[in-house]
Amino acid sequence: MNNKVIIFLISLVIPFLGKAQEVTGPEMADTFRSEGKIYVVITVISIIFMCLIGYLVYIDMKLRKLENKK
């Protein structure tokens, strides 16, 4: 389990390390950023992502219990 977590965390960090060019982004992102709404969008997406990860871990734990039962 520890190797999976480490690989997952590394895969999240790699895109930030290999920034090849400046990203200007669409105008909508600039508008959200200037009004401070981008932080709300990032927060909501982060919450959804963390819930999905938590649900997958929960399912994995239940599946392991069932496998060990047999």
PDB file of N, CA and C in Angstrom:
ATOM      1  N   MET A   1       0.828  -1.199   0.000  1.00  0.00           N
ATOM      2  CA  MET A   1       0.000   0.000   0.000  1.00  0.00           C
ATOM      3  C   MET A   1       0.867   1.255   0.000  1.00  0.00           C
ATOM      4  N   ASN A   2       1.986   1.224   0.712  1.00  0.00           N
ATOM      5  CA  ASN A   2       2.839   2.404   0.786  1.00  0.00           C
ATOM      6  C   ASN A   2       3.426   2.767  -0.568  1.00  0.00           C
ATOM      7  N   ASN A   3       3.783   1.751  -1.369  1.00  0.00           N
ATOM      8  CA  ASN A   3       4.335   2.022  -2.692  1.00  0.00           C
ATOM      9  C   ASN A   3       3.306   2.694  -3.581  1.00  0.00           C
ATOM     10  N   LYS A   4       2.054   2.282  -3.476  1.00  0.00           N
ATOM     11  CA  LYS A   4       0.993   2.884  -4.281  1.00  0.00           C
ATOM     12  C   LYS A   4       0.799   4.347  -3.915  1.00  0.00           C
ATOM     13  N   VAL A   5       0.845   4.646  -2.625  1.00  0.00           N
ATOM     14  CA  VAL A   5       0.659   6.025  -2.171  1.00  0.00           C
ATOM     15  C   VAL A   5       1.819   6.889  -2.648  1.00  0.00           C
ATOM     16  N   ILE A   6       3.018   6.385  -2.551  1.00  0.00           N
ATOM     17  CA  ILE A   6       4.196   7.142  -2.980  1.00  0.00           C
ATOM     18  C   ILE A   6       4.143   7.397  -4.478  1.00  0.00           C
ATOM     19  N   ILE A   7       3.804   6.389  -5.259  1.00  0.00           N
ATOM     20  CA  ILE A   7       3.697   6.562  -6.709  1.00  0.00           C
ATOM     21  C   ILE A   7       2.605   7.563  -7.048  1.00  0.00           C
ATOM     22  N   PHE A   8       1.481   7.500  -6.342  1.00  0.00           N
ATOM     23  CA  PHE A   8       0.385   8.440  -6.573  1.00  0.00           C
ATOM     24  C   PHE A   8       0.835   9.874  -6.290  1.00  0.00           C
ATOM     25  N   LEU A   9       1.510  10.097  -5.176  1.00  0.00           N
ATOM     26  CA  LEU A   9       1.962  11.443  -4.835  1.00  0.00           C
ATOM     27  C   LEU A   9       2.999  11.962  -5.827  1.00  0.00           C
ATOM     28  N   ILE A  10       3.882  11.103  -6.257  1.00  0.00           N
ATOM     29  CA  ILE A  10       4.886  11.505  -7.241  1.00  0.00           C
ATOM     30  C   ILE A  10       4.216  11.880  -8.560  1.00  0.00           C
ATOM     31  N   SER A  11       3.195  11.121  -8.945  1.00  0.00           N
ATOM     32  CA  SER A  11       2.506  11.427 -10.202  1.00  0.00           C
ATOM     33  C   SER A  11       1.748  12.754 -10.122  1.00  0.00           C
ATOM     34  N   LEU A  12       1.390  13.181  -8.927  1.00  0.00           N
ATOM     35  CA  LEU A  12       0.757  14.489  -8.782  1.00  0.00           C
ATOM     36  C   LEU A  12       1.763  15.632  -8.859  1.00  0.00           C
ATOM     37  N   VAL A  13       3.000  15.374  -8.452  1.00  0.00           N
ATOM     38  CA  VAL A  13       4.016  16.424  -8.393  1.00  0.00           C
ATOM     39  C   VAL A  13       4.726  16.617  -9.735  1.00  0.00           C
ATOM     40  N   ILE A  14       4.876  15.567 -10.514  1.00  0.00           N
ATOM     41  CA  ILE A  14       5.653  15.621 -11.755  1.00  0.00           C
ATOM     42  C   ILE A  14       5.174  16.703 -12.732  1.00  0.00           C
ATOM     43  N   PRO A  15       3.878  16.881 -12.963  1.00  0.00           N
ATOM     44  CA  PRO A  15       3.473  17.924 -13.913  1.00  0.00           C
ATOM     45  C   PRO A  15       3.918  19.331 -13.505  1.00  0.00           C
ATOM     46  N   PHE A  16       4.024  19.581 -12.204  1.00  0.00           N
ATOM     47  CA  PHE A  16       4.451  20.903 -11.761  1.00  0.00           C
ATOM     48  C   PHE A  16       5.956  21.110 -11.948  1.00  0.00           C
ATOM     49  N   LEU A  17       6.716  20.027 -11.937  1.00  0.00           N
ATOM     50  CA  LEU A  17       8.165  20.126 -12.101  1.00  0.00           C
ATOM     51  C   LEU A  17       8.569  20.335 -13.558  1.00  0.00           C
ATOM     52  N   GLY A  18       7.790  19.808 -14.478  1.00  0.00           N
ATOM     53  CA  GLY A  18       8.161  19.847 -15.886  1.00  0.00           C
ATOM     54  C   GLY A  18       7.434  20.917 -16.680  1.00  0.00           C
ATOM     55  N   LYS A  19       7.305  22.095 -16.130  1.00  0.00           N
ATOM     56  CA  LYS A  19       6.614  23.178 -16.818  1.00  0.00           C
ATOM     57  C   LYS A  19       7.476  23.641 -18.000  1.00  0.00           C
ATOM     58  N   ALA A  20       7.015  23.360 -19.212  1.00  0.00           N
ATOM     59  CA  ALA A  20       7.825  23.618 -20.395  1.00  0.00           C
ATOM     60  C   ALA A  20       7.631  25.025 -20.949  1.00  0.00           C
ATOM     61  N   GLN A  21       6.476  25.590 -20.771  1.00  0.00           N
ATOM     62  CA  GLN A  21       6.218  26.920 -21.339  1.00  0.00           C
ATOM     63  C   GLN A  21       5.238  27.671 -20.459  1.00  0.00           C
ATOM     64  N   GLU A  22       5.197  28.953 -20.671  1.00  0.00           N
ATOM     65  CA  GLU A  22       4.251  29.780 -19.940  1.00  0.00           C
ATOM     66  C   GLU A  22       2.848  29.525 -20.458  1.00  0.00           C
ATOM     67  N   VAL A  23       1.915  29.387 -19.555  1.00  0.00           N
ATOM     68  CA  VAL A  23       0.533  29.150 -19.938  1.00  0.00           C
ATOM     69  C   VAL A  23      -0.243  30.447 -19.718  1.00  0.00           C
ATOM     70  N   THR A  24      -0.795  30.977 -20.802  1.00  0.00           N
ATOM     71  CA  THR A  24      -1.551  32.218 -20.665  1.00  0.00           C
ATOM     72  C   THR A  24      -2.977  31.944 -20.225  1.00  0.00           C
ATOM     73  N   GLY A  25      -3.566  30.861 -20.676  1.00  0.00           N
ATOM     74  CA  GLY A  25      -4.897  30.465 -20.246  1.00  0.00           C
ATOM     75  C   GLY A  25      -5.988  31.259 -20.939  1.00  0.00           C
ATOM     76  N   PRO A  26      -7.193  30.757 -20.859  1.00  0.00           N
ATOM     77  CA  PRO A  26      -8.324  31.449 -21.480  1.00  0.00           C
ATOM     78  C   PRO A  26      -8.737  32.676 -20.671  1.00  0.00           C
ATOM     79  N   GLU A  27      -9.519  33.515 -21.303  1.00  0.00           N
ATOM     80  CA  GLU A  27      -9.955  34.743 -20.637  1.00  0.00           C
ATOM     81  C   GLU A  27     -10.818  34.445 -19.425  1.00  0.00           C
ATOM     82  N   MET A  28     -11.583  33.354 -19.472  1.00  0.00           N
ATOM     83  CA  MET A  28     -12.440  33.004 -18.353  1.00  0.00           C
ATOM     84  C   MET A  28     -11.613  32.796 -17.087  1.00  0.00           C
ATOM     85  N   ALA A  29     -10.459  32.139 -17.221  1.00  0.00           N
ATOM     86  CA  ALA A  29      -9.599  31.909 -16.065  1.00  0.00           C
ATOM     87  C   ALA A  29      -9.065  33.231 -15.513  1.00  0.00           C
ATOM     88  N   ASP A  30      -8.746  34.161 -16.392  1.00  0.00           N
ATOM     89  CA  ASP A  30      -8.291  35.474 -15.939  1.00  0.00           C
ATOM     90  C   ASP A  30      -9.386  36.206 -15.187  1.00  0.00           C
ATOM     91  N   THR A  31     -10.622  36.085 -15.672  1.00  0.00           N
ATOM     92  CA  THR A  31     -11.747  36.732 -14.997  1.00  0.00           C
ATOM     93  C   THR A  31     -11.968  36.111 -13.622  1.00  0.00           C
ATOM     94  N   PHE A  32     -11.952  34.775 -13.564  1.00  0.00           N
ATOM     95  CA  PHE A  32     -12.114  34.105 -12.271  1.00  0.00           C
ATOM     96  C   PHE A  32     -11.000  34.497 -11.317  1.00  0.00           C
ATOM     97  N   ARG A  33      -9.781  34.574 -11.829  1.00  0.00           N
ATOM     98  CA  ARG A  33      -8.640  34.909 -10.993  1.00  0.00           C
ATOM     99  C   ARG A  33      -8.754  36.335 -10.471  1.00  0.00           C
ATOM    100  N   SER A  34      -9.173  37.266 -11.316  1.00  0.00           N
ATOM    101  CA  SER A  34      -9.254  38.666 -10.894  1.00  0.00           C
ATOM    102  C   SER A  34     -10.379  38.883  -9.892  1.00  0.00           C
ATOM    103  N   GLU A  35     -11.446  38.082  -9.978  1.00  0.00           N
ATOM    104  CA  GLU A  35     -12.566  38.235  -9.046  1.00  0.00           C
ATOM    105  C   GLU A  35     -12.418  37.341  -7.817  1.00  0.00           C
ATOM    106  N   GLY A  36     -11.399  36.500  -7.788  1.00  0.00           N
ATOM    107  CA  GLY A  36     -11.163  35.623  -6.654  1.00  0.00           C
ATOM    108  C   GLY A  36     -11.997  34.359  -6.685  1.00  0.00           C
ATOM    109  N   LYS A  37     -12.744  34.115  -7.756  1.00  0.00           N
ATOM    110  CA  LYS A  37     -13.595  32.924  -7.841  1.00  0.00           C
ATOM    111  C   LYS A  37     -12.802  31.670  -8.192  1.00  0.00           C
ATOM    112  N   ILE A  38     -11.593  31.838  -8.685  1.00  0.00           N
ATOM    113  CA  ILE A  38     -10.781  30.676  -9.059  1.00  0.00           C
ATOM    114  C   ILE A  38     -10.500  29.799  -7.844  1.00  0.00           C
ATOM    115  N   TYR A  39     -10.390  30.421  -6.671  1.00  0.00           N
ATOM    116  CA  TYR A  39     -10.127  29.662  -5.461  1.00  0.00           C
ATOM    117  C   TYR A  39     -11.326  28.808  -5.074  1.00  0.00           C
ATOM    118  N   VAL A  40     -12.521  29.300  -5.354  1.00  0.00           N
ATOM    119  CA  VAL A  40     -13.725  28.515  -5.098  1.00  0.00           C
ATOM    120  C   VAL A  40     -13.759  27.309  -6.031  1.00  0.00           C
ATOM    121  N   VAL A  41     -13.436  27.518  -7.297  1.00  0.00           N
ATOM    122  CA  VAL A  41     -13.430  26.437  -8.268  1.00  0.00           C
ATOM    123  C   VAL A  41     -12.401  25.380  -7.881  1.00  0.00           C
ATOM    124  N   ILE A  42     -11.207  25.814  -7.524  1.00  0.00           N
ATOM    125  CA  ILE A  42     -10.144  24.887  -7.134  1.00  0.00           C
ATOM    126  C   ILE A  42     -10.541  24.124  -5.872  1.00  0.00           C
ATOM    127  N   THR A  43     -11.172  24.795  -4.920  1.00  0.00           N
ATOM    128  CA  THR A  43     -11.597  24.145  -3.684  1.00  0.00           C
ATOM    129  C   THR A  43     -12.646  23.071  -3.955  1.00  0.00           C
ATOM    130  N   VAL A  44     -13.635  23.392  -4.779  1.00  0.00           N
ATOM    131  CA  VAL A  44     -14.689  22.425  -5.083  1.00  0.00           C
ATOM    132  C   VAL A  44     -14.117  21.214  -5.820  1.00  0.00           C
ATOM    133  N   ILE A  45     -13.258  21.450  -6.802  1.00  0.00           N
ATOM    134  CA  ILE A  45     -12.636  20.346  -7.532  1.00  0.00           C
ATOM    135  C   ILE A  45     -11.779  19.502  -6.592  1.00  0.00           C
ATOM    136  N   SER A  46     -11.063  20.138  -5.681  1.00  0.00           N
ATOM    137  CA  SER A  46     -10.228  19.396  -4.720  1.00  0.00           C
ATOM    138  C   SER A  46     -11.078  18.542  -3.795  1.00  0.00           C
ATOM    139  N   ILE A  47     -12.200  19.079  -3.332  1.00  0.00           N
ATOM    140  CA  ILE A  47     -13.082  18.323  -2.445  1.00  0.00           C
ATOM    141  C   ILE A  47     -13.640  17.103  -3.173  1.00  0.00           C
ATOM    142  N   ILE A  48     -14.088  17.296  -4.404  1.00  0.00           N
ATOM    143  CA  ILE A  48     -14.624  16.183  -5.190  1.00  0.00           C
ATOM    144  C   ILE A  48     -13.549  15.124  -5.401  1.00  0.00           C
ATOM    145  N   PHE A  49     -12.339  15.558  -5.740  1.00  0.00           N
ATOM    146  CA  PHE A  49     -11.235  14.622  -5.973  1.00  0.00           C
ATOM    147  C   PHE A  49     -10.899  13.842  -4.711  1.00  0.00           C
ATOM    148  N   MET A  50     -10.834  14.516  -3.573  1.00  0.00           N
ATOM    149  CA  MET A  50     -10.502  13.848  -2.320  1.00  0.00           C
ATOM    150  C   MET A  50     -11.601  12.864  -1.919  1.00  0.00           C
ATOM    151  N   CYS A  51     -12.862  13.206  -2.174  1.00  0.00           N
ATOM    152  CA  CYS A  51     -13.959  12.279  -1.883  1.00  0.00           C
ATOM    153  C   CYS A  51     -13.852  11.030  -2.753  1.00  0.00           C
ATOM    154  N   LEU A  52     -13.519  11.203  -4.013  1.00  0.00           N
ATOM    155  CA  LEU A  52     -13.346  10.046  -4.890  1.00  0.00           C
ATOM    156  C   LEU A  52     -12.206   9.153  -4.422  1.00  0.00           C
ATOM    157  N   ILE A  53     -11.102   9.748  -4.032  1.00  0.00           N
ATOM    158  CA  ILE A  53      -9.960   8.983  -3.530  1.00  0.00           C
ATOM    159  C   ILE A  53     -10.343   8.247  -2.241  1.00  0.00           C
ATOM    160  N   GLY A  54     -11.044   8.942  -1.347  1.00  0.00           N
ATOM    161  CA  GLY A  54     -11.489   8.312  -0.107  1.00  0.00           C
ATOM    162  C   GLY A  54     -12.421   7.147  -0.360  1.00  0.00           C
ATOM    163  N   TYR A  55     -13.326   7.303  -1.307  1.00  0.00           N
ATOM    164  CA  TYR A  55     -14.264   6.234  -1.649  1.00  0.00           C
ATOM    165  C   TYR A  55     -13.529   5.026  -2.225  1.00  0.00           C
ATOM    166  N   LEU A  56     -12.542   5.280  -3.074  1.00  0.00           N
ATOM    167  CA  LEU A  56     -11.767   4.176  -3.640  1.00  0.00           C
ATOM    168  C   LEU A  56     -10.975   3.436  -2.569  1.00  0.00           C
ATOM    169  N   VAL A  57     -10.428   4.160  -1.619  1.00  0.00           N
ATOM    170  CA  VAL A  57      -9.693   3.522  -0.517  1.00  0.00           C
ATOM    171  C   VAL A  57     -10.652   2.701   0.332  1.00  0.00           C
ATOM    172  N   TYR A  58     -11.851   3.230   0.581  1.00  0.00           N
ATOM    173  CA  TYR A  58     -12.861   2.515   1.358  1.00  0.00           C
ATOM    174  C   TYR A  58     -13.252   1.211   0.666  1.00  0.00           C
ATOM    175  N   ILE A  59     -13.480   1.272  -0.630  1.00  0.00           N
ATOM    176  CA  ILE A  59     -13.824   0.070  -1.392  1.00  0.00           C
ATOM    177  C   ILE A  59     -12.668  -0.931  -1.355  1.00  0.00           C
ATOM    178  N   ASP A  60     -11.441  -0.441  -1.462  1.00  0.00           N
ATOM    179  CA  ASP A  60     -10.271  -1.316  -1.419  1.00  0.00           C
ATOM    180  C   ASP A  60     -10.175  -2.035  -0.075  1.00  0.00           C
ATOM    181  N   MET A  61     -10.438  -1.316   1.003  1.00  0.00           N
ATOM    182  CA  MET A  61     -10.380  -1.931   2.326  1.00  0.00           C
ATOM    183  C   MET A  61     -11.460  -2.995   2.481  1.00  0.00           C
ATOM    184  N   LYS A  62     -12.667  -2.713   2.023  1.00  0.00           N
ATOM    185  CA  LYS A  62     -13.742  -3.702   2.110  1.00  0.00           C
ATOM    186  C   LYS A  62     -13.436  -4.924   1.255  1.00  0.00           C
ATOM    187  N   LEU A  63     -12.865  -4.708   0.082  1.00  0.00           N
ATOM    188  CA  LEU A  63     -12.525  -5.818  -0.804  1.00  0.00           C
ATOM    189  C   LEU A  63     -11.447  -6.701  -0.183  1.00  0.00           C
ATOM    190  N   ARG A  64     -10.473  -6.090   0.462  1.00  0.00           N
ATOM    191  CA  ARG A  64      -9.432  -6.869   1.135  1.00  0.00           C
ATOM    192  C   ARG A  64     -10.011  -7.724   2.257  1.00  0.00           C
ATOM    193  N   LYS A  65     -10.984  -7.159   3.011  1.00  0.00           N
ATOM    194  CA  LYS A  65     -11.628  -7.935   4.070  1.00  0.00           C
ATOM    195  C   LYS A  65     -12.335  -9.150   3.491  1.00  0.00           C
ATOM    196  N   LEU A  66     -13.041  -8.945   2.380  1.00  0.00           N
ATOM    197  CA  LEU A  66     -13.744 -10.059   1.751  1.00  0.00           C
ATOM    198  C   LEU A  66     -12.768 -11.103   1.222  1.00  0.00           C
ATOM    199  N   GLU A  67     -11.660 -10.670   0.665  1.00  0.00           N
ATOM    200  CA  GLU A  67     -10.668 -11.615   0.146  1.00  0.00           C
ATOM    201  C   GLU A  67     -10.033 -12.423   1.277  1.00  0.00           C
ATOM    202  N   ASN A  68      -9.787 -11.799   2.405  1.00  0.00           N
ATOM    203  CA  ASN A  68      -9.158 -12.476   3.531  1.00  0.00           C
ATOM    204  C   ASN A  68     -10.125 -13.417   4.234  1.00  0.00           C
ATOM    205  N   LYS A  69     -11.420 -13.172   4.085  1.00  0.00           N
ATOM    206  CA  LYS A  69     -12.435 -13.994   4.720  1.00  0.00           C
ATOM    207  C   LYS A  69     -12.458 -15.403   4.144  1.00  0.00           C
ATOM    208  N   LYS A  70     -12.197 -15.549   2.862  1.00  0.00           N
ATOM    209  CA  LYS A  70     -12.277 -16.857   2.192  1.00  0.00           C
ATOM    210  C   LYS A  70     -11.105 -17.728   2.484  1.00  0.00           C
TER     211      LYS A  70
END
